[in-house]
Amino acid sequence: MEVCIALFVRDRFVRPYLGDVLAVVLVYCGLRAVLPLRPLPAAAAAFGIAALIEFGQAIHVLDLLGLHGRVLRVVLGGSFEWLDFVAYAAGALASLGIERLLKSPSP
């Protein structure tokens, strides 16, 4: 889904914001799948990874490193946006909420 959004969606909400929310959820799931992290540290790490990538966009890290591949631009993005941090926080909170729903006993 993330790849489809990155490659084919050109709008002002799904790609820039919903895509960022889903990206953090994806990173969260990956971290929980391969590392023995509890939910809160995994959500914080997923948010932190997204924030580091965003700050990398602010300083144009791909240009500084001489990396100009299309795949890298799709995966790491190319432009800094402060509102992305809200989307990252929403993704981290959604991950925690989903985790809590899945662990709660059924009535």
PDB file of N, CA and C in Angstrom:
ATOM      1  N   MET A   1       0.823  -1.178   0.000  1.00  0.00           N
ATOM      2  CA  MET A   1       0.000   0.000   0.000  1.00  0.00           C
ATOM      3  C   MET A   1       0.879   1.258   0.000  1.00  0.00           C
ATOM      4  N   GLU A   2       1.922   1.242   0.817  1.00  0.00           N
ATOM      5  CA  GLU A   2       2.836   2.392   0.881  1.00  0.00           C
ATOM      6  C   GLU A   2       3.474   2.665  -0.484  1.00  0.00           C
ATOM      7  N   VAL A   3       3.898   1.628  -1.161  1.00  0.00           N
ATOM      8  CA  VAL A   3       4.536   1.795  -2.471  1.00  0.00           C
ATOM      9  C   VAL A   3       3.538   2.373  -3.465  1.00  0.00           C
ATOM     10  N   CYS A   4       2.307   1.879  -3.454  1.00  0.00           N
ATOM     11  CA  CYS A   4       1.278   2.399  -4.359  1.00  0.00           C
ATOM     12  C   CYS A   4       1.004   3.868  -4.084  1.00  0.00           C
ATOM     13  N   ILE A   5       0.910   4.240  -2.811  1.00  0.00           N
ATOM     14  CA  ILE A   5       0.692   5.645  -2.473  1.00  0.00           C
ATOM     15  C   ILE A   5       1.857   6.489  -2.985  1.00  0.00           C
ATOM     16  N   ALA A   6       3.077   6.027  -2.720  1.00  0.00           N
ATOM     17  CA  ALA A   6       4.261   6.801  -3.119  1.00  0.00           C
ATOM     18  C   ALA A   6       4.372   6.946  -4.629  1.00  0.00           C
ATOM     19  N   LEU A   7       4.014   5.917  -5.363  1.00  0.00           N
ATOM     20  CA  LEU A   7       4.208   5.946  -6.815  1.00  0.00           C
ATOM     21  C   LEU A   7       3.041   6.530  -7.599  1.00  0.00           C
ATOM     22  N   PHE A   8       1.821   6.363  -7.096  1.00  0.00           N
ATOM     23  CA  PHE A   8       0.671   6.681  -7.939  1.00  0.00           C
ATOM     24  C   PHE A   8      -0.260   7.769  -7.405  1.00  0.00           C
ATOM     25  N   VAL A   9      -0.183   8.106  -6.139  1.00  0.00           N
ATOM     26  CA  VAL A   9      -1.118   9.093  -5.588  1.00  0.00           C
ATOM     27  C   VAL A   9      -0.464  10.467  -5.614  1.00  0.00           C
ATOM     28  N   ARG A  10      -1.165  11.417  -6.203  1.00  0.00           N
ATOM     29  CA  ARG A  10      -0.678  12.799  -6.295  1.00  0.00           C
ATOM     30  C   ARG A  10      -1.774  13.727  -5.780  1.00  0.00           C
ATOM     31  N   ASP A  11      -1.925  13.796  -4.488  1.00  0.00           N
ATOM     32  CA  ASP A  11      -2.934  14.666  -3.914  1.00  0.00           C
ATOM     33  C   ASP A  11      -2.338  15.460  -2.768  1.00  0.00           C
ATOM     34  N   ARG A  12      -3.181  16.122  -2.004  1.00  0.00           N
ATOM     35  CA  ARG A  12      -2.693  16.975  -0.919  1.00  0.00           C
ATOM     36  C   ARG A  12      -2.967  16.389   0.460  1.00  0.00           C
ATOM     37  N   PHE A  13      -3.494  15.163   0.524  1.00  0.00           N
ATOM     38  CA  PHE A  13      -3.743  14.565   1.834  1.00  0.00           C
ATOM     39  C   PHE A  13      -3.205  13.142   1.953  1.00  0.00           C
ATOM     40  N   VAL A  14      -3.642  12.256   1.062  1.00  0.00           N
ATOM     41  CA  VAL A  14      -3.268  10.844   1.193  1.00  0.00           C
ATOM     42  C   VAL A  14      -1.760  10.674   1.114  1.00  0.00           C
ATOM     43  N   ARG A  15      -1.161  11.162   0.054  1.00  0.00           N
ATOM     44  CA  ARG A  15       0.279  10.954  -0.092  1.00  0.00           C
ATOM     45  C   ARG A  15       1.087  11.676   0.988  1.00  0.00           C
ATOM     46  N   PRO A  16       0.879  12.955   1.210  1.00  0.00           N
ATOM     47  CA  PRO A  16       1.759  13.623   2.165  1.00  0.00           C
ATOM     48  C   PRO A  16       1.482  13.293   3.632  1.00  0.00           C
ATOM     49  N   TYR A  17       0.243  13.034   3.994  1.00  0.00           N
ATOM     50  CA  TYR A  17      -0.050  12.857   5.420  1.00  0.00           C
ATOM     51  C   TYR A  17      -0.466  11.433   5.775  1.00  0.00           C
ATOM     52  N   LEU A  18      -1.483  10.892   5.113  1.00  0.00           N
ATOM     53  CA  LEU A  18      -1.888   9.521   5.411  1.00  0.00           C
ATOM     54  C   LEU A  18      -0.752   8.547   5.109  1.00  0.00           C
ATOM     55  N   GLY A  19      -0.012   8.817   4.040  1.00  0.00           N
ATOM     56  CA  GLY A  19       1.150   7.983   3.719  1.00  0.00           C
ATOM     57  C   GLY A  19       2.184   8.008   4.833  1.00  0.00           C
ATOM     58  N   ASP A  20       2.394   9.175   5.452  1.00  0.00           N
ATOM     59  CA  ASP A  20       3.345   9.281   6.566  1.00  0.00           C
ATOM     60  C   ASP A  20       2.836   8.551   7.804  1.00  0.00           C
ATOM     61  N   VAL A  21       1.537   8.636   8.060  1.00  0.00           N
ATOM     62  CA  VAL A  21       0.956   7.888   9.182  1.00  0.00           C
ATOM     63  C   VAL A  21       1.198   6.399   8.977  1.00  0.00           C
ATOM     64  N   LEU A  22       0.873   5.922   7.782  1.00  0.00           N
ATOM     65  CA  LEU A  22       1.044   4.492   7.492  1.00  0.00           C
ATOM     66  C   LEU A  22       2.507   4.071   7.506  1.00  0.00           C
ATOM     67  N   ALA A  23       3.403   4.956   7.098  1.00  0.00           N
ATOM     68  CA  ALA A  23       4.824   4.634   7.109  1.00  0.00           C
ATOM     69  C   ALA A  23       5.311   4.383   8.536  1.00  0.00           C
ATOM     70  N   VAL A  24       4.856   5.197   9.481  1.00  0.00           N
ATOM     71  CA  VAL A  24       5.255   4.994  10.878  1.00  0.00           C
ATOM     72  C   VAL A  24       4.667   3.689  11.413  1.00  0.00           C
ATOM     73  N   VAL A  25       3.428   3.380  11.050  1.00  0.00           N
ATOM     74  CA  VAL A  25       2.827   2.108  11.458  1.00  0.00           C
ATOM     75  C   VAL A  25       3.630   0.948  10.883  1.00  0.00           C
ATOM     76  N   LEU A  26       4.054   1.066   9.638  1.00  0.00           N
ATOM     77  CA  LEU A  26       4.860   0.027   9.002  1.00  0.00           C
ATOM     78  C   LEU A  26       6.197  -0.165   9.719  1.00  0.00           C
ATOM     79  N   VAL A  27       6.861   0.937  10.050  1.00  0.00           N
ATOM     80  CA  VAL A  27       8.135   0.856  10.778  1.00  0.00           C
ATOM     81  C   VAL A  27       7.903   0.237  12.153  1.00  0.00           C
ATOM     82  N   TYR A  28       6.834   0.647  12.830  1.00  0.00           N
ATOM     83  CA  TYR A  28       6.484   0.088  14.135  1.00  0.00           C
ATOM     84  C   TYR A  28       6.324  -1.433  14.035  1.00  0.00           C
ATOM     85  N   CYS A  29       5.558  -1.882  13.060  1.00  0.00           N
ATOM     86  CA  CYS A  29       5.331  -3.327  12.882  1.00  0.00           C
ATOM     87  C   CYS A  29       6.638  -4.056  12.591  1.00  0.00           C
ATOM     88  N   GLY A  30       7.476  -3.447  11.765  1.00  0.00           N
ATOM     89  CA  GLY A  30       8.774  -4.054  11.474  1.00  0.00           C
ATOM     90  C   GLY A  30       9.639  -4.172  12.708  1.00  0.00           C
ATOM     91  N   LEU A  31       9.673  -3.125  13.509  1.00  0.00           N
ATOM     92  CA  LEU A  31      10.465  -3.159  14.743  1.00  0.00           C
ATOM     93  C   LEU A  31       9.946  -4.230  15.699  1.00  0.00           C
ATOM     94  N   ARG A  32       8.628  -4.289  15.865  1.00  0.00           N
ATOM     95  CA  ARG A  32       8.039  -5.282  16.773  1.00  0.00           C
ATOM     96  C   ARG A  32       8.242  -6.706  16.257  1.00  0.00           C
ATOM     97  N   ALA A  33       8.327  -6.862  14.934  1.00  0.00           N
ATOM     98  CA  ALA A  33       8.495  -8.198  14.357  1.00  0.00           C
ATOM     99  C   ALA A  33       9.912  -8.738  14.541  1.00  0.00           C
ATOM    100  N   VAL A  34      10.898  -7.855  14.551  1.00  0.00           N
ATOM    101  CA  VAL A  34      12.287  -8.345  14.570  1.00  0.00           C
ATOM    102  C   VAL A  34      13.048  -8.054  15.863  1.00  0.00           C
ATOM    103  N   LEU A  35      12.510  -7.176  16.703  1.00  0.00           N
ATOM    104  CA  LEU A  35      13.199  -6.829  17.945  1.00  0.00           C
ATOM    105  C   LEU A  35      12.284  -7.084  19.141  1.00  0.00           C
ATOM    106  N   PRO A  36      12.861  -7.438  20.266  1.00  0.00           N
ATOM    107  CA  PRO A  36      12.033  -7.678  21.455  1.00  0.00           C
ATOM    108  C   PRO A  36      11.649  -6.370  22.164  1.00  0.00           C
ATOM    109  N   LEU A  37      10.974  -5.494  21.451  1.00  0.00           N
ATOM    110  CA  LEU A  37      10.580  -4.200  22.005  1.00  0.00           C
ATOM    111  C   LEU A  37       9.130  -4.247  22.468  1.00  0.00           C
ATOM    112  N   ARG A  38       8.878  -3.597  23.576  1.00  0.00           N
ATOM    113  CA  ARG A  38       7.503  -3.422  24.037  1.00  0.00           C
ATOM    114  C   ARG A  38       6.868  -2.323  23.181  1.00  0.00           C
ATOM    115  N   PRO A  39       5.540  -2.197  23.228  1.00  0.00           N
ATOM    116  CA  PRO A  39       4.860  -1.244  22.342  1.00  0.00           C
ATOM    117  C   PRO A  39       5.333   0.202  22.444  1.00  0.00           C
ATOM    118  N   LEU A  40       5.442   0.751  23.643  1.00  0.00           N
ATOM    119  CA  LEU A  40       5.802   2.163  23.760  1.00  0.00           C
ATOM    120  C   LEU A  40       7.201   2.465  23.220  1.00  0.00           C
ATOM    121  N   PRO A  41       8.225   1.672  23.583  1.00  0.00           N
ATOM    122  CA  PRO A  41       9.540   1.930  22.988  1.00  0.00           C
ATOM    123  C   PRO A  41       9.561   1.752  21.463  1.00  0.00           C
ATOM    124  N   ALA A  42       8.785   0.792  20.968  1.00  0.00           N
ATOM    125  CA  ALA A  42       8.732   0.586  19.518  1.00  0.00           C
ATOM    126  C   ALA A  42       8.070   1.774  18.829  1.00  0.00           C
ATOM    127  N   ALA A  43       7.003   2.302  19.419  1.00  0.00           N
ATOM    128  CA  ALA A  43       6.324   3.473  18.847  1.00  0.00           C
ATOM    129  C   ALA A  43       7.243   4.690  18.886  1.00  0.00           C
ATOM    130  N   ALA A  44       7.961   4.846  20.000  1.00  0.00           N
ATOM    131  CA  ALA A  44       8.900   5.975  20.105  1.00  0.00           C
ATOM    132  C   ALA A  44      10.021   5.833  19.089  1.00  0.00           C
ATOM    133  N   ALA A  45      10.518   4.622  18.899  1.00  0.00           N
ATOM    134  CA  ALA A  45      11.587   4.398  17.923  1.00  0.00           C
ATOM    135  C   ALA A  45      11.091   4.654  16.502  1.00  0.00           C
ATOM    136  N   ALA A  46       9.879   4.208  16.186  1.00  0.00           N
ATOM    137  CA  ALA A  46       9.314   4.438  14.848  1.00  0.00           C
ATOM    138  C   ALA A  46       9.158   5.932  14.597  1.00  0.00           C
ATOM    139  N   PHE A  47       8.666   6.662  15.597  1.00  0.00           N
ATOM    140  CA  PHE A  47       8.555   8.114  15.481  1.00  0.00           C
ATOM    141  C   PHE A  47       9.940   8.736  15.297  1.00  0.00           C
ATOM    142  N   GLY A  48      10.905   8.275  16.078  1.00  0.00           N
ATOM    143  CA  GLY A  48      12.261   8.810  15.987  1.00  0.00           C
ATOM    144  C   GLY A  48      12.901   8.574  14.630  1.00  0.00           C
ATOM    145  N   ILE A  49      12.699   7.399  14.069  1.00  0.00           N
ATOM    146  CA  ILE A  49      13.238   7.092  12.745  1.00  0.00           C
ATOM    147  C   ILE A  49      12.622   8.033  11.711  1.00  0.00           C
ATOM    148  N   ALA A  50      11.303   8.208  11.787  1.00  0.00           N
ATOM    149  CA  ALA A  50      10.627   9.116  10.850  1.00  0.00           C
ATOM    150  C   ALA A  50      11.135  10.545  11.016  1.00  0.00           C
ATOM    151  N   ALA A  51      11.328  10.971  12.266  1.00  0.00           N
ATOM    152  CA  ALA A  51      11.821  12.330  12.521  1.00  0.00           C
ATOM    153  C   ALA A  51      13.239  12.503  11.974  1.00  0.00           C
ATOM    154  N   LEU A  52      14.084  11.506  12.147  1.00  0.00           N
ATOM    155  CA  LEU A  52      15.441  11.595  11.603  1.00  0.00           C
ATOM    156  C   LEU A  52      15.420  11.717  10.084  1.00  0.00           C
ATOM    157  N   ILE A  53      14.560  10.948   9.451  1.00  0.00           N
ATOM    158  CA  ILE A  53      14.440  11.042   7.992  1.00  0.00           C
ATOM    159  C   ILE A  53      13.958  12.431   7.594  1.00  0.00           C
ATOM    160  N   GLU A  54      12.996  12.962   8.349  1.00  0.00           N
ATOM    161  CA  GLU A  54      12.474  14.304   8.041  1.00  0.00           C
ATOM    162  C   GLU A  54      13.568  15.359   8.204  1.00  0.00           C
ATOM    163  N   PHE A  55      14.350  15.274   9.266  1.00  0.00           N
ATOM    164  CA  PHE A  55      15.448  16.218   9.447  1.00  0.00           C
ATOM    165  C   PHE A  55      16.498  16.044   8.349  1.00  0.00           C
ATOM    166  N   GLY A  56      16.684  14.818   7.885  1.00  0.00           N
ATOM    167  CA  GLY A  56      17.562  14.583   6.740  1.00  0.00           C
ATOM    168  C   GLY A  56      17.065  15.304   5.500  1.00  0.00           C
ATOM    169  N   GLN A  57      15.741  15.353   5.339  1.00  0.00           N
ATOM    170  CA  GLN A  57      15.165  16.099   4.220  1.00  0.00           C
ATOM    171  C   GLN A  57      15.443  17.595   4.376  1.00  0.00           C
ATOM    172  N   ALA A  58      15.383  18.084   5.605  1.00  0.00           N
ATOM    173  CA  ALA A  58      15.617  19.508   5.858  1.00  0.00           C
ATOM    174  C   ALA A  58      17.020  19.937   5.461  1.00  0.00           C
ATOM    175  N   ILE A  59      17.996  19.053   5.664  1.00  0.00           N
ATOM    176  CA  ILE A  59      19.381  19.399   5.316  1.00  0.00           C
ATOM    177  C   ILE A  59      19.797  18.836   3.960  1.00  0.00           C
ATOM    178  N   HIS A  60      18.821  18.253   3.243  1.00  0.00           N
ATOM    179  CA  HIS A  60      19.072  17.699   1.902  1.00  0.00           C
ATOM    180  C   HIS A  60      20.190  16.663   1.940  1.00  0.00           C
ATOM    181  N   VAL A  61      20.050  15.702   2.849  1.00  0.00           N
ATOM    182  CA  VAL A  61      21.094  14.708   3.069  1.00  0.00           C
ATOM    183  C   VAL A  61      21.381  13.873   1.816  1.00  0.00           C
ATOM    184  N   LEU A  62      20.365  13.577   1.023  1.00  0.00           N
ATOM    185  CA  LEU A  62      20.618  12.795  -0.195  1.00  0.00           C
ATOM    186  C   LEU A  62      21.521  13.560  -1.156  1.00  0.00           C
ATOM    187  N   ASP A  63      21.293  14.858  -1.291  1.00  0.00           N
ATOM    188  CA  ASP A  63      22.154  15.679  -2.142  1.00  0.00           C
ATOM    189  C   ASP A  63      23.559  15.771  -1.561  1.00  0.00           C
ATOM    190  N   LEU A  64      23.650  15.944  -0.247  1.00  0.00           N
ATOM    191  CA  LEU A  64      24.965  16.034   0.402  1.00  0.00           C
ATOM    192  C   LEU A  64      25.790  14.765   0.205  1.00  0.00           C
ATOM    193  N   LEU A  65      25.099  13.630   0.178  1.00  0.00           N
ATOM    194  CA  LEU A  65      25.783  12.346  -0.014  1.00  0.00           C
ATOM    195  C   LEU A  65      25.929  11.977  -1.489  1.00  0.00           C
ATOM    196  N   GLY A  66      25.380  12.800  -2.362  1.00  0.00           N
ATOM    197  CA  GLY A  66      25.462  12.527  -3.799  1.00  0.00           C
ATOM    198  C   GLY A  66      24.581  11.380  -4.242  1.00  0.00           C
ATOM    199  N   LEU A  67      23.497  11.135  -3.505  1.00  0.00           N
ATOM    200  CA  LEU A  67      22.572  10.044  -3.832  1.00  0.00           C
ATOM    201  C   LEU A  67      21.357  10.617  -4.532  1.00  0.00           C
ATOM    202  N   HIS A  68      21.126  10.212  -5.767  1.00  0.00           N
ATOM    203  CA  HIS A  68      20.058  10.807  -6.552  1.00  0.00           C
ATOM    204  C   HIS A  68      19.094   9.779  -7.125  1.00  0.00           C
ATOM    205  N   GLY A  69      19.084   8.570  -6.602  1.00  0.00           N
ATOM    206  CA  GLY A  69      18.213   7.525  -7.130  1.00  0.00           C
ATOM    207  C   GLY A  69      16.745   7.783  -6.850  1.00  0.00           C
ATOM    208  N   ARG A  70      15.906   7.410  -7.794  1.00  0.00           N
ATOM    209  CA  ARG A  70      14.454   7.591  -7.660  1.00  0.00           C
ATOM    210  C   ARG A  70      13.902   6.799  -6.485  1.00  0.00           C
ATOM    211  N   VAL A  71      14.382   5.586  -6.290  1.00  0.00           N
ATOM    212  CA  VAL A  71      13.886   4.756  -5.185  1.00  0.00           C
ATOM    213  C   VAL A  71      14.192   5.424  -3.848  1.00  0.00           C
ATOM    214  N   LEU A  72      15.397   5.965  -3.706  1.00  0.00           N
ATOM    215  CA  LEU A  72      15.747   6.661  -2.466  1.00  0.00           C
ATOM    216  C   LEU A  72      14.848   7.867  -2.238  1.00  0.00           C
ATOM    217  N   ARG A  73      14.552   8.596  -3.288  1.00  0.00           N
ATOM    218  CA  ARG A  73      13.670   9.767  -3.163  1.00  0.00           C
ATOM    219  C   ARG A  73      12.261   9.349  -2.760  1.00  0.00           C
ATOM    220  N   VAL A  74      11.794   8.221  -3.276  1.00  0.00           N
ATOM    221  CA  VAL A  74      10.459   7.739  -2.921  1.00  0.00           C
ATOM    222  C   VAL A  74      10.449   7.278  -1.465  1.00  0.00           C
ATOM    223  N   VAL A  75      11.459   6.516  -1.067  1.00  0.00           N
ATOM    224  CA  VAL A  75      11.502   5.962   0.289  1.00  0.00           C
ATOM    225  C   VAL A  75      11.790   7.035   1.331  1.00  0.00           C
ATOM    226  N   LEU A  76      12.762   7.886   1.072  1.00  0.00           N
ATOM    227  CA  LEU A  76      13.189   8.867   2.069  1.00  0.00           C
ATOM    228  C   LEU A  76      12.587  10.255   1.870  1.00  0.00           C
ATOM    229  N   GLY A  77      11.913  10.462   0.773  1.00  0.00           N
ATOM    230  CA  GLY A  77      11.295  11.765   0.534  1.00  0.00           C
ATOM    231  C   GLY A  77      12.313  12.802   0.117  1.00  0.00           C
ATOM    232  N   GLY A  78      11.808  13.945  -0.294  1.00  0.00           N
ATOM    233  CA  GLY A  78      12.713  14.963  -0.785  1.00  0.00           C
ATOM    234  C   GLY A  78      12.482  16.350  -0.236  1.00  0.00           C
ATOM    235  N   SER A  79      11.384  16.544   0.498  1.00  0.00           N
ATOM    236  CA  SER A  79      11.119  17.897   0.987  1.00  0.00           C
ATOM    237  C   SER A  79      10.697  17.873   2.455  1.00  0.00           C
ATOM    238  N   PHE A  80      11.190  18.831   3.196  1.00  0.00           N
ATOM    239  CA  PHE A  80      10.895  18.963   4.621  1.00  0.00           C
ATOM    240  C   PHE A  80       9.551  19.646   4.820  1.00  0.00           C
ATOM    241  N   GLU A  81       8.790  19.152   5.781  1.00  0.00           N
ATOM    242  CA  GLU A  81       7.477  19.730   6.104  1.00  0.00           C
ATOM    243  C   GLU A  81       7.213  19.530   7.591  1.00  0.00           C
ATOM    244  N   TRP A  82       7.015  20.624   8.314  1.00  0.00           N
ATOM    245  CA  TRP A  82       6.777  20.532   9.757  1.00  0.00           C
ATOM    246  C   TRP A  82       5.538  19.707  10.088  1.00  0.00           C
ATOM    247  N   LEU A  83       4.497  19.789   9.265  1.00  0.00           N
ATOM    248  CA  LEU A  83       3.265  19.046   9.541  1.00  0.00           C
ATOM    249  C   LEU A  83       3.458  17.531   9.485  1.00  0.00           C
ATOM    250  N   ASP A  84       4.538  17.097   8.854  1.00  0.00           N
ATOM    251  CA  ASP A  84       4.802  15.662   8.815  1.00  0.00           C
ATOM    252  C   ASP A  84       4.984  15.091  10.220  1.00  0.00           C
ATOM    253  N   PHE A  85       5.488  15.907  11.140  1.00  0.00           N
ATOM    254  CA  PHE A  85       5.676  15.427  12.507  1.00  0.00           C
ATOM    255  C   PHE A  85       4.338  15.092  13.173  1.00  0.00           C
ATOM    256  N   VAL A  86       3.298  15.814  12.796  1.00  0.00           N
ATOM    257  CA  VAL A  86       1.965  15.498  13.302  1.00  0.00           C
ATOM    258  C   VAL A  86       1.519  14.141  12.766  1.00  0.00           C
ATOM    259  N   ALA A  87       1.780  13.907  11.482  1.00  0.00           N
ATOM    260  CA  ALA A  87       1.437  12.615  10.889  1.00  0.00           C
ATOM    261  C   ALA A  87       2.235  11.488  11.540  1.00  0.00           C
ATOM    262  N   TYR A  88       3.506  11.731  11.824  1.00  0.00           N
ATOM    263  CA  TYR A  88       4.321  10.706  12.483  1.00  0.00           C
ATOM    264  C   TYR A  88       3.797  10.396  13.872  1.00  0.00           C
ATOM    265  N   ALA A  89       3.417  11.426  14.607  1.00  0.00           N
ATOM    266  CA  ALA A  89       2.850  11.213  15.941  1.00  0.00           C
ATOM    267  C   ALA A  89       1.534  10.442  15.839  1.00  0.00           C
ATOM    268  N   ALA A  90       0.720  10.782  14.857  1.00  0.00           N
ATOM    269  CA  ALA A  90      -0.541  10.060  14.652  1.00  0.00           C
ATOM    270  C   ALA A  90      -0.281   8.592  14.337  1.00  0.00           C
ATOM    271  N   GLY A  91       0.748   8.318  13.542  1.00  0.00           N
ATOM    272  CA  GLY A  91       1.096   6.930  13.229  1.00  0.00           C
ATOM    273  C   GLY A  91       1.563   6.169  14.462  1.00  0.00           C
ATOM    274  N   ALA A  92       2.360   6.818  15.298  1.00  0.00           N
ATOM    275  CA  ALA A  92       2.833   6.176  16.526  1.00  0.00           C
ATOM    276  C   ALA A  92       1.660   5.911  17.469  1.00  0.00           C
ATOM    277  N   LEU A  93       0.775   6.899  17.612  1.00  0.00           N
ATOM    278  CA  LEU A  93      -0.393   6.715  18.476  1.00  0.00           C
ATOM    279  C   LEU A  93      -1.357   5.663  17.918  1.00  0.00           C
ATOM    280  N   ALA A  94      -1.520   5.641  16.609  1.00  0.00           N
ATOM    281  CA  ALA A  94      -2.371   4.617  15.987  1.00  0.00           C
ATOM    282  C   ALA A  94      -1.796   3.231  16.234  1.00  0.00           C
ATOM    283  N   SER A  95      -0.483   3.104  16.155  1.00  0.00           N
ATOM    284  CA  SER A  95       0.160   1.813  16.416  1.00  0.00           C
ATOM    285  C   SER A  95      -0.122   1.345  17.834  1.00  0.00           C
ATOM    286  N   LEU A  96       0.010   2.266  18.784  1.00  0.00           N
ATOM    287  CA  LEU A  96      -0.269   1.921  20.184  1.00  0.00           C
ATOM    288  C   LEU A  96      -1.742   1.583  20.387  1.00  0.00           C
ATOM    289  N   GLY A  97      -2.620   2.335  19.738  1.00  0.00           N
ATOM    290  CA  GLY A  97      -4.052   2.069  19.860  1.00  0.00           C
ATOM    291  C   GLY A  97      -4.439   0.722  19.286  1.00  0.00           C
ATOM    292  N   ILE A  98      -3.900   0.406  18.131  1.00  0.00           N
ATOM    293  CA  ILE A  98      -4.188  -0.894  17.508  1.00  0.00           C
ATOM    294  C   ILE A  98      -3.640  -2.023  18.377  1.00  0.00           C
ATOM    295  N   GLU A  99      -2.448  -1.829  18.889  1.00  0.00           N
ATOM    296  CA  GLU A  99      -1.840  -2.829  19.777  1.00  0.00           C
ATOM    297  C   GLU A  99      -2.729  -3.070  20.993  1.00  0.00           C
ATOM    298  N   ARG A 100      -3.213  -2.001  21.562  1.00  0.00           N
ATOM    299  CA  ARG A 100      -4.082  -2.119  22.741  1.00  0.00           C
ATOM    300  C   ARG A 100      -5.391  -2.831  22.410  1.00  0.00           C
ATOM    301  N   LEU A 101      -5.985  -2.487  21.258  1.00  0.00           N
ATOM    302  CA  LEU A 101      -7.217  -3.163  20.835  1.00  0.00           C
ATOM    303  C   LEU A 101      -7.005  -4.653  20.628  1.00  0.00           C
ATOM    304  N   LEU A 102      -5.875  -5.008  20.049  1.00  0.00           N
ATOM    305  CA  LEU A 102      -5.601  -6.420  19.775  1.00  0.00           C
ATOM    306  C   LEU A 102      -5.320  -7.210  21.051  1.00  0.00           C
ATOM    307  N   LYS A 103      -4.842  -6.542  22.084  1.00  0.00           N
ATOM    308  CA  LYS A 103      -4.514  -7.225  23.335  1.00  0.00           C
ATOM    309  C   LYS A 103      -5.642  -7.211  24.350  1.00  0.00           C
ATOM    310  N   SER A 104      -6.664  -6.377  24.127  1.00  0.00           N
ATOM    311  CA  SER A 104      -7.743  -6.315  25.104  1.00  0.00           C
ATOM    312  C   SER A 104      -8.617  -7.558  25.002  1.00  0.00           C
ATOM    313  N   PRO A 105      -9.089  -8.042  26.161  1.00  0.00           N
ATOM    314  CA  PRO A 105      -9.932  -9.239  26.136  1.00  0.00           C
ATOM    315  C   PRO A 105     -11.290  -8.924  25.495  1.00  0.00           C
ATOM    316  N   SER A 106     -11.811  -9.880  24.795  1.00  0.00           N
ATOM    317  CA  SER A 106     -13.118  -9.674  24.158  1.00  0.00           C
ATOM    318  C   SER A 106     -14.217  -9.833  25.206  1.00  0.00           C
ATOM    319  N   PRO A 107     -15.333  -9.102  25.018  1.00  0.00           N
ATOM    320  CA  PRO A 107     -16.415  -9.132  26.022  1.00  0.00           C
ATOM    321  C   PRO A 107     -17.140 -10.441  26.090  1.00  0.00           C
TER     322      PRO A 107
END
